[in-house]
Amino acid sequence: MADPSAHVFNNRLYIYPSHDREAGHAFDDDGGHFQMRDYHVLSFDDVEKDAATDHGVILDVDQVPWAEKQLWDSDVVEKDGRYYLVFSAKDYNGVFHLGIAVSDRPEGPFIPQPHPIRGSFSIDPCVFKDDDGQIYTYFGGLWGGQLQWYQAPQRLVSNGVDLGPAADRKTQLYAPADVPALSSFVVRMSDDMMQFAEAPHSVVVLNEQGQPMSAGDPHRFFEASWMHKYQGTYYFSYSTGDSHLLCYATADNPYGPFTFRGVLLDPVVGWTTHHCIVEYHNQWYLFYHDCQPSGGVTHLRSLKVQRLYYRADGSIEKVENE
């Protein structure tokens, strides 16, 4: 399993991962070998002492009318006693969209809506509920996640400020080093959690000089958005793709722009790195995936967890993979 999203519901920790499987598909640049077809949910009473409980399949691609294949990353949020699974999948035209499935219990099963979210695209949703009850979805992944289809040759705009043109190559991996990096997106959700309540906003990450991070910066965004809040500060964390890092940036609002703060995790075994950050029983944790248990087979990943610690200035200590 891979791409963990962890939340505390009813005083229990639930983890919503994607589910890798050996499907016999050839490796390709667009992730065609990641043929995940269902979601499970895991839960813990005690992360450090107990084995995880696997509650079984909570959603299968055959249950989703609009989706043909590839149930990639997902996340869950609670609102008014119901649980909303926001997931990514490819439609019958080979285009990724975000969908919604609903349950009365955090362990599912989840019932999918008949259509994807209007205007949705790409992959890797993270659903964040702020202290005021507003719910935001952060999403996007380059290359196989198709995010580059929706930005080139648009300009990066954050909080109404035009930050210049985004990279306009197939992927920013090959863009000139001085071109601003492509960004993920954030959008506020409608009150019923069924649609976007606004047009998505670019999630711009600024470098230490206060400029939009360039496509040549090894710390720029590639995929795997995650949002959490610590002592009133918004922490946006993400994967960098080919440089294989987990990084984080901070802001004083959920839209940003965010200022780069550091690296959370050095490269693990495998091409992708994907994570989440959660507090449980007064301890912060970093969940992520690694291909080491499968002998380095990049489409067969396993979940790991480490304790996470903050310094007095709000920065996060780098986690050592074990």
C-alpha atoms as a PDB file:
ATOM      1  CA  MET A   1       0.000   0.000   0.000  1.00  0.00           C
ATOM      2  CA  ALA A   2       1.116   3.574  -0.679  1.00  0.00           C
ATOM      3  CA  ASP A   3       0.120   7.255  -0.576  1.00  0.00           C
ATOM      4  CA  PRO A   4      -1.120   7.310   3.053  1.00  0.00           C
ATOM      5  CA  SER A   5      -3.642   9.888   4.300  1.00  0.00           C
ATOM      6  CA  ALA A   6      -4.104   9.686   8.079  1.00  0.00           C
ATOM      7  CA  HIS A   7      -6.781  11.272  10.286  1.00  0.00           C
ATOM      8  CA  VAL A   8      -8.144  10.890  13.799  1.00  0.00           C
ATOM      9  CA  PHE A   9     -11.863  10.047  13.856  1.00  0.00           C
ATOM     10  CA  ASN A  10     -13.690   9.029  17.049  1.00  0.00           C
ATOM     11  CA  ASN A  11     -10.388   8.943  18.976  1.00  0.00           C
ATOM     12  CA  ARG A  12      -8.951   6.321  16.617  1.00  0.00           C
ATOM     13  CA  LEU A  13      -6.330   6.803  13.897  1.00  0.00           C
ATOM     14  CA  TYR A  14      -7.453   5.878  10.376  1.00  0.00           C
ATOM     15  CA  ILE A  15      -5.141   5.593   7.373  1.00  0.00           C
ATOM     16  CA  TYR A  16      -6.483   5.763   3.815  1.00  0.00           C
ATOM     17  CA  PRO A  17      -3.813   4.440   1.396  1.00  0.00           C
ATOM     18  CA  SER A  18      -3.837   3.543  -2.262  1.00  0.00           C
ATOM     19  CA  HIS A  19      -3.469  -0.177  -2.973  1.00  0.00           C
ATOM     20  CA  ASP A  20      -0.606  -1.353  -5.173  1.00  0.00           C
ATOM     21  CA  ARG A  21      -0.991  -4.651  -7.000  1.00  0.00           C
ATOM     22  CA  GLU A  22       0.879  -6.702  -9.564  1.00  0.00           C
ATOM     23  CA  ALA A  23      -1.234  -6.180 -12.682  1.00  0.00           C
ATOM     24  CA  GLY A  24       1.219  -7.222 -15.376  1.00  0.00           C
ATOM     25  CA  HIS A  25       1.307  -3.825 -17.100  1.00  0.00           C
ATOM     26  CA  ALA A  26       4.530  -2.596 -18.658  1.00  0.00           C
ATOM     27  CA  PHE A  27       6.378   0.294 -17.024  1.00  0.00           C
ATOM     28  CA  ASP A  28       5.888   3.630 -18.743  1.00  0.00           C
ATOM     29  CA  ASP A  29       6.554   7.317 -18.121  1.00  0.00           C
ATOM     30  CA  ASP A  30       2.891   8.012 -17.297  1.00  0.00           C
ATOM     31  CA  GLY A  31       2.569   5.445 -14.500  1.00  0.00           C
ATOM     32  CA  GLY A  32       0.549   2.888 -16.459  1.00  0.00           C
ATOM     33  CA  HIS A  33       2.036   0.125 -14.286  1.00  0.00           C
ATOM     34  CA  PHE A  34       0.309   1.607 -11.213  1.00  0.00           C
ATOM     35  CA  GLN A  35      -2.990  -0.169 -11.882  1.00  0.00           C
ATOM     36  CA  MET A  36      -4.564   0.222  -8.436  1.00  0.00           C
ATOM     37  CA  ARG A  37      -8.230  -0.769  -8.518  1.00  0.00           C
ATOM     38  CA  ASP A  38      -9.516  -0.472  -4.931  1.00  0.00           C
ATOM     39  CA  TYR A  39      -9.062   1.263  -1.603  1.00  0.00           C
ATOM     40  CA  HIS A  40      -8.726  -0.223   1.879  1.00  0.00           C
ATOM     41  CA  VAL A  41      -8.702   1.589   5.207  1.00  0.00           C
ATOM     42  CA  LEU A  42      -6.387   0.750   8.109  1.00  0.00           C
ATOM     43  CA  SER A  43      -6.818   1.847  11.725  1.00  0.00           C
ATOM     44  CA  PHE A  44      -4.952   1.865  15.038  1.00  0.00           C
ATOM     45  CA  ASP A  45      -5.647   2.360  18.699  1.00  0.00           C
ATOM     46  CA  ASP A  46      -1.892   2.646  19.355  1.00  0.00           C
ATOM     47  CA  VAL A  47       0.405   3.332  16.395  1.00  0.00           C
ATOM     48  CA  GLU A  48       3.549   2.177  18.188  1.00  0.00           C
ATOM     49  CA  LYS A  49       2.268  -0.980  19.918  1.00  0.00           C
ATOM     50  CA  ASP A  50      -0.613  -2.423  17.902  1.00  0.00           C
ATOM     51  CA  ALA A  51      -0.842  -4.069  14.514  1.00  0.00           C
ATOM     52  CA  ALA A  52      -3.026  -2.175  12.067  1.00  0.00           C
ATOM     53  CA  THR A  53      -6.599  -3.351  11.560  1.00  0.00           C
ATOM     54  CA  ASP A  54      -7.429  -3.723   7.860  1.00  0.00           C
ATOM     55  CA  HIS A  55     -11.147  -2.991   7.422  1.00  0.00           C
ATOM     56  CA  GLY A  56     -11.116  -4.365   3.888  1.00  0.00           C
ATOM     57  CA  VAL A  57     -12.184  -2.830   0.597  1.00  0.00           C
ATOM     58  CA  ILE A  58     -14.070   0.461   0.989  1.00  0.00           C
ATOM     59  CA  LEU A  59     -14.386   1.281  -2.725  1.00  0.00           C
ATOM     60  CA  ASP A  60     -13.667  -0.610  -5.968  1.00  0.00           C
ATOM     61  CA  VAL A  61     -13.240   0.955  -9.405  1.00  0.00           C
ATOM     62  CA  ASP A  62     -16.104  -1.188 -10.722  1.00  0.00           C
ATOM     63  CA  GLN A  63     -18.448   0.729  -8.391  1.00  0.00           C
ATOM     64  CA  VAL A  64     -17.551   4.118  -9.908  1.00  0.00           C
ATOM     65  CA  PRO A  65     -19.696   4.774 -13.012  1.00  0.00           C
ATOM     66  CA  TRP A  66     -17.393   7.377 -14.541  1.00  0.00           C
ATOM     67  CA  ALA A  67     -14.025   5.714 -13.801  1.00  0.00           C
ATOM     68  CA  GLU A  68     -12.291   3.129 -15.946  1.00  0.00           C
ATOM     69  CA  LYS A  69      -9.089   2.478 -13.979  1.00  0.00           C
ATOM     70  CA  GLN A  70      -6.277   3.656 -11.718  1.00  0.00           C
ATOM     71  CA  LEU A  71      -7.673   4.599  -8.325  1.00  0.00           C
ATOM     72  CA  TRP A  72      -4.672   6.629  -7.248  1.00  0.00           C
ATOM     73  CA  ASP A  73      -4.271   8.724  -4.105  1.00  0.00           C
ATOM     74  CA  SER A  74      -7.304   9.630  -1.946  1.00  0.00           C
ATOM     75  CA  ASP A  75      -8.190  11.365   1.307  1.00  0.00           C
ATOM     76  CA  VAL A  76     -11.137  11.505   3.728  1.00  0.00           C
ATOM     77  CA  VAL A  77     -12.729  14.319   5.722  1.00  0.00           C
ATOM     78  CA  GLU A  78     -15.586  14.324   8.240  1.00  0.00           C
ATOM     79  CA  LYS A  79     -18.393  16.891   7.972  1.00  0.00           C
ATOM     80  CA  ASP A  80     -21.613  16.896  10.025  1.00  0.00           C
ATOM     81  CA  GLY A  81     -21.188  13.245  10.990  1.00  0.00           C
ATOM     82  CA  ARG A  82     -20.603  11.939   7.460  1.00  0.00           C
ATOM     83  CA  TYR A  83     -17.322  10.945   5.848  1.00  0.00           C
ATOM     84  CA  TYR A  84     -16.300  12.085   2.380  1.00  0.00           C
ATOM     85  CA  LEU A  85     -13.690  10.223   0.363  1.00  0.00           C
ATOM     86  CA  VAL A  86     -12.096  12.441  -2.280  1.00  0.00           C
ATOM     87  CA  PHE A  87     -10.274  10.224  -4.773  1.00  0.00           C
ATOM     88  CA  SER A  88      -8.518  10.381  -8.140  1.00  0.00           C
ATOM     89  CA  ALA A  89      -9.194   8.051 -11.080  1.00  0.00           C
ATOM     90  CA  LYS A  90      -9.006   7.949 -14.870  1.00  0.00           C
ATOM     91  CA  ASP A  91     -12.170   8.228 -16.924  1.00  0.00           C
ATOM     92  CA  TYR A  92     -12.821   6.300 -20.153  1.00  0.00           C
ATOM     93  CA  ASN A  93     -10.921   8.949 -22.130  1.00  0.00           C
ATOM     94  CA  GLY A  94      -7.772   8.404 -20.080  1.00  0.00           C
ATOM     95  CA  VAL A  95      -8.169  11.698 -18.170  1.00  0.00           C
ATOM     96  CA  PHE A  96      -7.720  11.944 -14.411  1.00  0.00           C
ATOM     97  CA  HIS A  97     -10.474  13.594 -12.367  1.00  0.00           C
ATOM     98  CA  LEU A  98     -11.389  13.811  -8.686  1.00  0.00           C
ATOM     99  CA  GLY A  99     -14.468  12.026  -7.408  1.00  0.00           C
ATOM    100  CA  ILE A 100     -16.497  11.897  -4.195  1.00  0.00           C
ATOM    101  CA  ALA A 101     -17.735   8.876  -2.251  1.00  0.00           C
ATOM    102  CA  VAL A 102     -19.709   9.070   1.005  1.00  0.00           C
ATOM    103  CA  SER A 103     -20.076   6.924   4.119  1.00  0.00           C
ATOM    104  CA  ASP A 104     -21.675   7.153   7.560  1.00  0.00           C
ATOM    105  CA  ARG A 105     -18.587   5.513   9.097  1.00  0.00           C
ATOM    106  CA  PRO A 106     -14.859   6.232   8.773  1.00  0.00           C
ATOM    107  CA  GLU A 107     -14.213   2.561   7.967  1.00  0.00           C
ATOM    108  CA  GLY A 108     -16.679   2.641   5.082  1.00  0.00           C
ATOM    109  CA  PRO A 109     -17.886   1.262   2.786  1.00  0.00           C
ATOM    110  CA  PHE A 110     -18.113   4.424   0.664  1.00  0.00           C
ATOM    111  CA  ILE A 111     -20.781   5.046  -1.974  1.00  0.00           C
ATOM    112  CA  PRO A 112     -19.479   6.948  -5.026  1.00  0.00           C
ATOM    113  CA  GLN A 113     -21.261   9.809  -6.746  1.00  0.00           C
ATOM    114  CA  PRO A 114     -22.237   9.100 -10.380  1.00  0.00           C
ATOM    115  CA  HIS A 115     -20.056  11.876 -11.810  1.00  0.00           C
ATOM    116  CA  PRO A 116     -16.647  13.386 -10.989  1.00  0.00           C
ATOM    117  CA  ILE A 117     -16.358  16.831  -9.416  1.00  0.00           C
ATOM    118  CA  ARG A 118     -17.105  19.439 -12.093  1.00  0.00           C
ATOM    119  CA  GLY A 119     -13.934  21.129 -13.285  1.00  0.00           C
ATOM    120  CA  SER A 120     -11.653  18.704 -11.441  1.00  0.00           C
ATOM    121  CA  PHE A 121      -8.397  17.381 -12.866  1.00  0.00           C
ATOM    122  CA  SER A 122      -5.143  15.629 -11.986  1.00  0.00           C
ATOM    123  CA  ILE A 123      -4.452  13.509  -8.872  1.00  0.00           C
ATOM    124  CA  ASP A 124      -3.326  13.371  -5.221  1.00  0.00           C
ATOM    125  CA  PRO A 125      -6.130  15.102  -3.292  1.00  0.00           C
ATOM    126  CA  CYS A 126      -5.503  16.176   0.295  1.00  0.00           C
ATOM    127  CA  VAL A 127      -8.638  17.347   2.121  1.00  0.00           C
ATOM    128  CA  PHE A 128      -8.013  19.828   4.936  1.00  0.00           C
ATOM    129  CA  LYS A 129     -10.622  21.068   7.437  1.00  0.00           C
ATOM    130  CA  ASP A 130      -9.606  24.399   8.943  1.00  0.00           C
ATOM    131  CA  ASP A 131     -10.453  25.548  12.465  1.00  0.00           C
ATOM    132  CA  ASP A 132     -13.428  27.553  11.169  1.00  0.00           C
ATOM    133  CA  GLY A 133     -14.948  24.460   9.533  1.00  0.00           C
ATOM    134  CA  GLN A 134     -14.081  25.453   5.954  1.00  0.00           C
ATOM    135  CA  ILE A 135     -12.810  22.517   3.917  1.00  0.00           C
ATOM    136  CA  TYR A 136     -10.143  22.812   1.241  1.00  0.00           C
ATOM    137  CA  THR A 137      -8.795  20.276  -1.255  1.00  0.00           C
ATOM    138  CA  TYR A 138      -5.158  20.483  -2.340  1.00  0.00           C
ATOM    139  CA  PHE A 139      -4.375  18.438  -5.444  1.00  0.00           C
ATOM    140  CA  GLY A 140      -2.126  17.882  -8.445  1.00  0.00           C
ATOM    141  CA  GLY A 141       0.673  15.720  -9.731  1.00  0.00           C
ATOM    142  CA  LEU A 142       2.918  16.208 -12.749  1.00  0.00           C
ATOM    143  CA  TRP A 143       3.673  13.965 -15.681  1.00  0.00           C
ATOM    144  CA  GLY A 144       1.538  10.814 -15.184  1.00  0.00           C
ATOM    145  CA  GLY A 145      -0.747  12.896 -12.985  1.00  0.00           C
ATOM    146  CA  GLN A 146      -1.397  15.217 -15.956  1.00  0.00           C
ATOM    147  CA  LEU A 147      -1.105  18.467 -13.967  1.00  0.00           C
ATOM    148  CA  GLN A 148       1.087  20.032 -16.677  1.00  0.00           C
ATOM    149  CA  TRP A 149      -1.897  19.825 -19.079  1.00  0.00           C
ATOM    150  CA  TYR A 150      -3.733  22.484 -17.099  1.00  0.00           C
ATOM    151  CA  GLN A 151      -1.072  25.106 -16.419  1.00  0.00           C
ATOM    152  CA  ALA A 152       0.954  25.669 -19.562  1.00  0.00           C
ATOM    153  CA  PRO A 153       1.142  28.376 -20.680  1.00  0.00           C
ATOM    154  CA  GLN A 154      -0.865  29.936 -17.854  1.00  0.00           C
ATOM    155  CA  ARG A 155       0.598  32.352 -15.334  1.00  0.00           C
ATOM    156  CA  LEU A 156       0.979  31.624 -11.634  1.00  0.00           C
ATOM    157  CA  VAL A 157      -1.422  33.707  -9.560  1.00  0.00           C
ATOM    158  CA  SER A 158      -1.519  33.592  -5.756  1.00  0.00           C
ATOM    159  CA  ASN A 159      -3.942  35.686  -3.707  1.00  0.00           C
ATOM    160  CA  GLY A 160      -4.488  37.909  -6.743  1.00  0.00           C
ATOM    161  CA  VAL A 161      -0.759  38.538  -7.293  1.00  0.00           C
ATOM    162  CA  ASP A 162       0.593  37.626 -10.742  1.00  0.00           C
ATOM    163  CA  LEU A 163       3.877  35.756 -10.206  1.00  0.00           C
ATOM    164  CA  GLY A 164       4.747  35.170 -13.861  1.00  0.00           C
ATOM    165  CA  PRO A 165       4.485  32.362 -16.419  1.00  0.00           C
ATOM    166  CA  ALA A 166       4.723  28.714 -15.443  1.00  0.00           C
ATOM    167  CA  ALA A 167       6.949  26.224 -17.227  1.00  0.00           C
ATOM    168  CA  ASP A 168       5.352  25.195 -20.502  1.00  0.00           C
ATOM    169  CA  ARG A 169       7.155  21.916 -21.252  1.00  0.00           C
ATOM    170  CA  LYS A 170       5.541  18.461 -20.926  1.00  0.00           C
ATOM    171  CA  THR A 171       6.995  18.424 -17.438  1.00  0.00           C
ATOM    172  CA  GLN A 172       9.034  20.937 -15.536  1.00  0.00           C
ATOM    173  CA  LEU A 173      11.816  18.359 -15.195  1.00  0.00           C
ATOM    174  CA  TYR A 174      13.097  19.584 -18.566  1.00  0.00           C
ATOM    175  CA  ALA A 175      12.196  23.266 -18.299  1.00  0.00           C
ATOM    176  CA  PRO A 176      14.908  25.951 -18.154  1.00  0.00           C
ATOM    177  CA  ALA A 177      16.167  26.405 -14.620  1.00  0.00           C
ATOM    178  CA  ASP A 178      14.999  30.030 -14.425  1.00  0.00           C
ATOM    179  CA  VAL A 179      11.362  29.312 -15.384  1.00  0.00           C
ATOM    180  CA  PRO A 180       8.930  29.308 -12.420  1.00  0.00           C
ATOM    181  CA  ALA A 181       7.999  25.791 -11.345  1.00  0.00           C
ATOM    182  CA  LEU A 182       4.542  24.408 -11.979  1.00  0.00           C
ATOM    183  CA  SER A 183       2.381  24.431  -8.869  1.00  0.00           C
ATOM    184  CA  SER A 184      -0.285  22.336  -7.243  1.00  0.00           C
ATOM    185  CA  PHE A 185      -3.768  23.765  -6.638  1.00  0.00           C
ATOM    186  CA  VAL A 186      -6.051  24.482  -3.694  1.00  0.00           C
ATOM    187  CA  VAL A 187      -9.810  24.954  -3.798  1.00  0.00           C
ATOM    188  CA  ARG A 188     -12.477  25.533  -1.161  1.00  0.00           C
ATOM    189  CA  MET A 189     -15.199  22.883  -1.222  1.00  0.00           C
ATOM    190  CA  SER A 190     -18.942  23.512  -1.369  1.00  0.00           C
ATOM    191  CA  ASP A 191     -20.975  23.151   1.824  1.00  0.00           C
ATOM    192  CA  ASP A 192     -22.305  19.760   0.705  1.00  0.00           C
ATOM    193  CA  MET A 193     -18.774  18.552  -0.235  1.00  0.00           C
ATOM    194  CA  MET A 194     -19.956  17.569  -3.712  1.00  0.00           C
ATOM    195  CA  GLN A 195     -18.286  20.310  -5.810  1.00  0.00           C
ATOM    196  CA  PHE A 196     -15.657  23.028  -5.873  1.00  0.00           C
ATOM    197  CA  ALA A 197     -16.992  26.289  -4.404  1.00  0.00           C
ATOM    198  CA  GLU A 198     -14.576  28.416  -6.449  1.00  0.00           C
ATOM    199  CA  ALA A 199     -11.977  28.230  -9.188  1.00  0.00           C
ATOM    200  CA  PRO A 200      -8.807  26.458  -8.015  1.00  0.00           C
ATOM    201  CA  HIS A 201      -5.880  28.648  -6.903  1.00  0.00           C
ATOM    202  CA  SER A 202      -2.193  27.988  -7.600  1.00  0.00           C
ATOM    203  CA  VAL A 203      -0.245  26.906  -4.506  1.00  0.00           C
ATOM    204  CA  VAL A 204       2.946  28.908  -5.013  1.00  0.00           C
ATOM    205  CA  VAL A 205       6.089  27.988  -3.057  1.00  0.00           C
ATOM    206  CA  LEU A 206       8.600  30.823  -2.634  1.00  0.00           C
ATOM    207  CA  ASN A 207      12.310  30.195  -2.207  1.00  0.00           C
ATOM    208  CA  GLU A 208      14.419  31.667   0.581  1.00  0.00           C
ATOM    209  CA  GLN A 209      14.820  34.874  -1.458  1.00  0.00           C
ATOM    210  CA  GLY A 210      11.041  35.325  -1.606  1.00  0.00           C
ATOM    211  CA  GLN A 211      10.782  34.450  -5.311  1.00  0.00           C
ATOM    212  CA  PRO A 212       8.607  31.715  -6.877  1.00  0.00           C
ATOM    213  CA  MET A 213      10.608  28.494  -6.856  1.00  0.00           C
ATOM    214  CA  SER A 214      12.108  27.748 -10.261  1.00  0.00           C
ATOM    215  CA  ALA A 215      11.729  24.585 -12.317  1.00  0.00           C
ATOM    216  CA  GLY A 216      15.424  23.897 -11.788  1.00  0.00           C
ATOM    217  CA  ASP A 217      15.203  23.951  -7.982  1.00  0.00           C
ATOM    218  CA  PRO A 218      15.447  20.435  -6.488  1.00  0.00           C
ATOM    219  CA  HIS A 219      12.933  21.515  -3.818  1.00  0.00           C
ATOM    220  CA  ARG A 220      10.091  22.466  -6.211  1.00  0.00           C
ATOM    221  CA  PHE A 221       6.705  20.783  -6.209  1.00  0.00           C
ATOM    222  CA  PHE A 222       6.013  17.620  -8.197  1.00  0.00           C
ATOM    223  CA  GLU A 223       3.148  15.763  -6.454  1.00  0.00           C
ATOM    224  CA  ALA A 224       1.735  14.547  -3.112  1.00  0.00           C
ATOM    225  CA  SER A 225       0.293  17.702  -1.519  1.00  0.00           C
ATOM    226  CA  TRP A 226      -0.421  17.579   2.216  1.00  0.00           C
ATOM    227  CA  MET A 227      -1.693  20.322   4.500  1.00  0.00           C
ATOM    228  CA  HIS A 228      -1.659  20.439   8.285  1.00  0.00           C
ATOM    229  CA  LYS A 229      -1.731  23.188  10.880  1.00  0.00           C
ATOM    230  CA  TYR A 230       0.587  23.639  13.857  1.00  0.00           C
ATOM    231  CA  GLN A 231       0.305  26.498  16.365  1.00  0.00           C
ATOM    232  CA  GLY A 232      -1.704  28.618  13.933  1.00  0.00           C
ATOM    233  CA  THR A 233       0.680  28.176  10.979  1.00  0.00           C
ATOM    234  CA  TYR A 234      -0.256  26.360   7.762  1.00  0.00           C
ATOM    235  CA  TYR A 235       2.263  23.714   6.692  1.00  0.00           C
ATOM    236  CA  PHE A 236       2.183  22.670   3.034  1.00  0.00           C
ATOM    237  CA  SER A 237       4.318  19.592   2.368  1.00  0.00           C
ATOM    238  CA  TYR A 238       4.931  17.794  -0.898  1.00  0.00           C
ATOM    239  CA  SER A 239       7.130  15.469  -2.961  1.00  0.00           C
ATOM    240  CA  THR A 240       9.704  16.780  -5.430  1.00  0.00           C
ATOM    241  CA  GLY A 241       9.574  13.940  -7.970  1.00  0.00           C
ATOM    242  CA  ASP A 242      12.954  13.211  -9.586  1.00  0.00           C
ATOM    243  CA  SER A 243      14.978  14.594  -6.643  1.00  0.00           C
ATOM    244  CA  HIS A 244      12.976  12.230  -4.408  1.00  0.00           C
ATOM    245  CA  LEU A 245      12.609  14.557  -1.414  1.00  0.00           C
ATOM    246  CA  LEU A 246       9.742  15.384   0.907  1.00  0.00           C
ATOM    247  CA  CYS A 247       9.756  19.147   1.544  1.00  0.00           C
ATOM    248  CA  TYR A 248       7.622  21.645   3.439  1.00  0.00           C
ATOM    249  CA  ALA A 249       6.731  25.316   3.311  1.00  0.00           C
ATOM    250  CA  THR A 250       4.649  27.557   5.592  1.00  0.00           C
ATOM    251  CA  ALA A 251       2.124  30.399   5.332  1.00  0.00           C
ATOM    252  CA  ASP A 252      -0.338  32.322   7.491  1.00  0.00           C
ATOM    253  CA  ASN A 253      -3.365  31.322   5.364  1.00  0.00           C
ATOM    254  CA  PRO A 254      -4.521  28.215   3.459  1.00  0.00           C
ATOM    255  CA  TYR A 255      -3.938  29.735  -0.010  1.00  0.00           C
ATOM    256  CA  GLY A 256      -0.343  30.906   0.458  1.00  0.00           C
ATOM    257  CA  PRO A 257       2.014  31.824  -1.048  1.00  0.00           C
ATOM    258  CA  PHE A 258       4.086  29.444   1.052  1.00  0.00           C
ATOM    259  CA  THR A 259       7.729  29.989   1.996  1.00  0.00           C
ATOM    260  CA  PHE A 260      10.074  27.003   1.715  1.00  0.00           C
ATOM    261  CA  ARG A 261      11.320  25.860   5.123  1.00  0.00           C
ATOM    262  CA  GLY A 262      13.227  22.630   4.572  1.00  0.00           C
ATOM    263  CA  VAL A 263      13.412  18.924   3.774  1.00  0.00           C
ATOM    264  CA  LEU A 264      11.355  16.453   5.794  1.00  0.00           C
ATOM    265  CA  LEU A 265      12.735  13.197   4.401  1.00  0.00           C
ATOM    266  CA  ASP A 266      15.633  12.236   2.143  1.00  0.00           C
ATOM    267  CA  PRO A 267      15.032   9.795  -0.748  1.00  0.00           C
ATOM    268  CA  VAL A 268      13.654   6.351   0.045  1.00  0.00           C
ATOM    269  CA  VAL A 269      13.798   3.288  -2.230  1.00  0.00           C
ATOM    270  CA  GLY A 270      11.640   3.840  -5.305  1.00  0.00           C
ATOM    271  CA  TRP A 271      10.892   6.686  -7.691  1.00  0.00           C
ATOM    272  CA  THR A 272       7.976   8.235  -5.828  1.00  0.00           C
ATOM    273  CA  THR A 273       7.664   9.545  -2.283  1.00  0.00           C
ATOM    274  CA  HIS A 274       4.262  10.289  -0.770  1.00  0.00           C
ATOM    275  CA  HIS A 275       3.301  11.075   2.808  1.00  0.00           C
ATOM    276  CA  CYS A 276       0.984  12.619   5.378  1.00  0.00           C
ATOM    277  CA  ILE A 277       1.456  14.302   8.756  1.00  0.00           C
ATOM    278  CA  VAL A 278      -0.910  13.801  11.696  1.00  0.00           C
ATOM    279  CA  GLU A 279      -1.036  14.300  15.467  1.00  0.00           C
ATOM    280  CA  TYR A 280      -2.274  11.379  17.565  1.00  0.00           C
ATOM    281  CA  HIS A 281      -2.119  10.922  21.354  1.00  0.00           C
ATOM    282  CA  ASN A 282      -0.053  14.147  21.656  1.00  0.00           C
ATOM    283  CA  GLN A 283       2.614  12.854  19.258  1.00  0.00           C
ATOM    284  CA  TRP A 284       3.128  13.991  15.660  1.00  0.00           C
ATOM    285  CA  TYR A 285       3.801  11.335  13.008  1.00  0.00           C
ATOM    286  CA  LEU A 286       5.019  11.197   9.425  1.00  0.00           C
ATOM    287  CA  PHE A 287       3.512   8.368   7.367  1.00  0.00           C
ATOM    288  CA  TYR A 288       5.073   7.623   3.978  1.00  0.00           C
ATOM    289  CA  HIS A 289       5.830   4.768   1.599  1.00  0.00           C
ATOM    290  CA  ASP A 290       8.974   2.907   0.583  1.00  0.00           C
ATOM    291  CA  CYS A 291       9.739   0.143  -1.936  1.00  0.00           C
ATOM    292  CA  GLN A 292      12.452  -1.443   0.209  1.00  0.00           C
ATOM    293  CA  PRO A 293      10.209  -4.255   1.540  1.00  0.00           C
ATOM    294  CA  SER A 294       9.379  -5.312  -2.053  1.00  0.00           C
ATOM    295  CA  GLY A 295      13.035  -5.353  -3.059  1.00  0.00           C
ATOM    296  CA  GLY A 296      12.853  -2.060  -4.893  1.00  0.00           C
ATOM    297  CA  VAL A 297       9.915  -2.911  -7.176  1.00  0.00           C
ATOM    298  CA  THR A 298       8.662   0.653  -7.680  1.00  0.00           C
ATOM    299  CA  HIS A 299       4.988  -0.182  -8.234  1.00  0.00           C
ATOM    300  CA  LEU A 300       4.775  -2.364  -5.085  1.00  0.00           C
ATOM    301  CA  ARG A 301       5.153  -0.019  -2.120  1.00  0.00           C
ATOM    302  CA  SER A 302       4.738  -0.406   1.635  1.00  0.00           C
ATOM    303  CA  LEU A 303       3.755   2.033   4.381  1.00  0.00           C
ATOM    304  CA  LYS A 304       6.094   3.303   7.071  1.00  0.00           C
ATOM    305  CA  VAL A 305       5.690   5.669  10.026  1.00  0.00           C
ATOM    306  CA  GLN A 306       8.146   7.748  12.058  1.00  0.00           C
ATOM    307  CA  ARG A 307       7.762  10.237  14.883  1.00  0.00           C
ATOM    308  CA  LEU A 308       7.892  13.893  13.839  1.00  0.00           C
ATOM    309  CA  TYR A 309       9.333  16.694  15.994  1.00  0.00           C
ATOM    310  CA  TYR A 310       9.103  20.502  15.842  1.00  0.00           C
ATOM    311  CA  ARG A 311      11.799  22.920  16.951  1.00  0.00           C
ATOM    312  CA  ALA A 312      11.004  25.992  19.046  1.00  0.00           C
ATOM    313  CA  ASP A 313      10.916  28.199  15.922  1.00  0.00           C
ATOM    314  CA  GLY A 314       8.270  25.988  14.289  1.00  0.00           C
ATOM    315  CA  SER A 315      10.661  24.275  11.889  1.00  0.00           C
ATOM    316  CA  ILE A 316      10.501  20.496  11.595  1.00  0.00           C
ATOM    317  CA  GLU A 317      13.406  18.148  12.275  1.00  0.00           C
ATOM    318  CA  LYS A 318      14.287  15.954   9.309  1.00  0.00           C
ATOM    319  CA  VAL A 319      13.075  12.369   9.705  1.00  0.00           C
ATOM    320  CA  GLU A 320      15.543   9.537   9.209  1.00  0.00           C
ATOM    321  CA  ASN A 321      14.165   6.625   7.190  1.00  0.00           C
ATOM    322  CA  GLU A 322      14.533   3.257   8.917  1.00  0.00           C
END
